[in-house]
Amino acid sequence: MHVISRKTLREFGAKHPPAKAPLDNWFAEASRAKWAKFADIKAAYGSADVVAGNRVIFNIGGNKYRLVVKIAYKCQIVFIRFVGTHAEYDQIDTKTI
């Protein structure tokens, strides 16, 4: 998968150092992945959830952080839509972000 944009992950990791390594690990795994459907993600990330518009929610760092991505499976592109703490996550609408 081609992940757009790693910069968002790096910036969040700089502000929240405990999130840096888990985000780097997620990025490395996602970059190597060939996800064709949500079931492929669920097999690797059992706690992942899907919401409207091909958005997937990942628990990061032992569920301390949330990552919301939008996936274009045919194009093999993952768009980072949100990364944040649980408090920040609770303030967004995952279906429209």
Protein backbone atom coordinates (compact mmCIF):
# COMPACT_ATOMS: atom_id res chain seq x y z
CA MET A 1 0.00 0.00 0.00
CA HIS A 2 1.10 3.55 -0.65
CA VAL A 3 0.51 5.58 2.53
CA ILE A 4 -0.30 9.29 2.19
CA SER A 5 1.00 11.12 4.19
CA ARG A 6 3.72 9.87 6.50
CA LYS A 7 4.36 13.48 7.52
CA THR A 8 1.15 13.43 9.58
CA LEU A 9 2.40 10.38 11.49
CA ARG A 10 5.84 11.91 12.05
CA GLU A 11 4.40 15.17 13.33
CA PHE A 12 2.11 13.36 15.76
CA GLY A 13 4.99 11.17 16.94
CA ALA A 14 7.09 14.28 17.59
CA LYS A 15 4.34 15.74 19.78
CA HIS A 16 3.59 12.40 21.47
CA PRO A 17 6.91 10.46 21.74
CA PRO A 18 5.29 7.24 23.08
CA ALA A 19 3.32 7.05 19.81
CA LYS A 20 6.36 7.33 17.53
CA ALA A 21 7.48 3.67 17.51
CA PRO A 22 3.96 2.19 17.19
CA LEU A 23 3.17 4.58 14.33
CA ASP A 24 6.47 3.76 12.60
CA ASN A 25 5.66 0.06 12.96
CA TRP A 26 2.15 0.54 11.56
CA PHE A 27 3.55 2.54 8.63
CA ALA A 28 6.13 -0.16 7.82
CA GLU A 29 3.50 -2.91 7.95
CA ALA A 30 0.95 -0.94 5.92
CA SER A 31 3.57 -0.06 3.29
CA ARG A 32 4.33 -3.75 2.75
CA ALA A 33 0.68 -4.83 2.77
CA LYS A 34 -1.47 -5.65 -0.25
CA TRP A 35 -4.92 -5.18 1.27
CA ALA A 36 -7.72 -5.99 -1.20
CA LYS A 37 -10.60 -5.77 1.29
CA PHE A 38 -11.28 -5.04 4.95
CA ALA A 39 -11.06 -8.73 5.83
CA ASP A 40 -7.35 -8.61 4.91
CA ILE A 41 -6.83 -5.83 7.44
CA LYS A 42 -8.92 -7.57 10.09
CA ALA A 43 -6.79 -10.70 9.75
CA ALA A 44 -3.67 -8.69 10.63
CA TYR A 45 -5.28 -6.18 13.02
CA GLY A 46 -8.03 -7.91 14.98
CA SER A 47 -9.08 -4.71 16.73
CA ALA A 48 -9.47 -2.70 13.50
CA ASP A 49 -12.93 -1.38 12.74
CA VAL A 50 -14.48 -0.26 9.47
CA VAL A 51 -16.84 2.72 9.07
CA ALA A 52 -18.53 4.38 6.12
CA GLY A 53 -16.53 5.41 3.08
CA ASN A 54 -13.83 2.71 3.33
CA ARG A 55 -12.49 4.29 6.50
CA VAL A 56 -10.66 2.02 8.92
CA ILE A 57 -9.89 2.75 12.56
CA PHE A 58 -6.70 1.32 14.05
CA ASN A 59 -5.79 1.20 17.74
CA ILE A 60 -2.20 2.35 18.10
CA GLY A 61 0.21 1.93 20.99
CA GLY A 62 -1.81 -0.49 23.05
CA ASN A 63 -5.03 1.43 22.32
CA LYS A 64 -3.60 4.72 23.64
CA TYR A 65 -4.04 6.41 20.25
CA ARG A 66 -6.37 6.13 17.27
CA LEU A 67 -5.56 6.23 13.60
CA VAL A 68 -8.28 6.73 10.99
CA VAL A 69 -7.45 6.06 7.35
CA LYS A 70 -9.40 6.01 4.12
CA ILE A 71 -8.45 3.22 1.76
CA ALA A 72 -8.65 3.01 -2.03
CA TYR A 73 -8.23 -0.75 -2.32
CA LYS A 74 -8.07 -0.85 -6.14
CA CYS A 75 -5.34 1.81 -6.23
CA GLN A 76 -3.57 0.41 -3.15
CA ILE A 77 -3.56 3.82 -1.44
CA VAL A 78 -4.07 4.56 2.24
CA PHE A 79 -4.94 8.16 3.08
CA ILE A 80 -4.24 9.22 6.66
CA ARG A 81 -7.36 11.10 7.78
CA PHE A 82 -6.71 11.41 11.53
CA VAL A 83 -4.26 10.42 14.21
CA GLY A 84 -4.83 11.42 17.81
CA THR A 85 -5.47 10.59 21.40
CA HIS A 86 -8.73 9.02 22.53
CA ALA A 87 -9.95 12.42 23.77
CA GLU A 88 -9.28 13.95 20.34
CA TYR A 89 -10.83 10.94 18.59
CA ASP A 90 -14.02 11.35 20.62
CA GLN A 91 -14.48 14.82 19.07
CA ILE A 92 -14.43 13.75 15.41
CA ASP A 93 -16.92 12.14 13.06
CA THR A 94 -15.11 9.17 11.59
CA LYS A 95 -17.60 8.93 8.73
CA THR A 96 -16.75 12.35 7.34
CA ILE A 97 -13.18 13.09 8.39
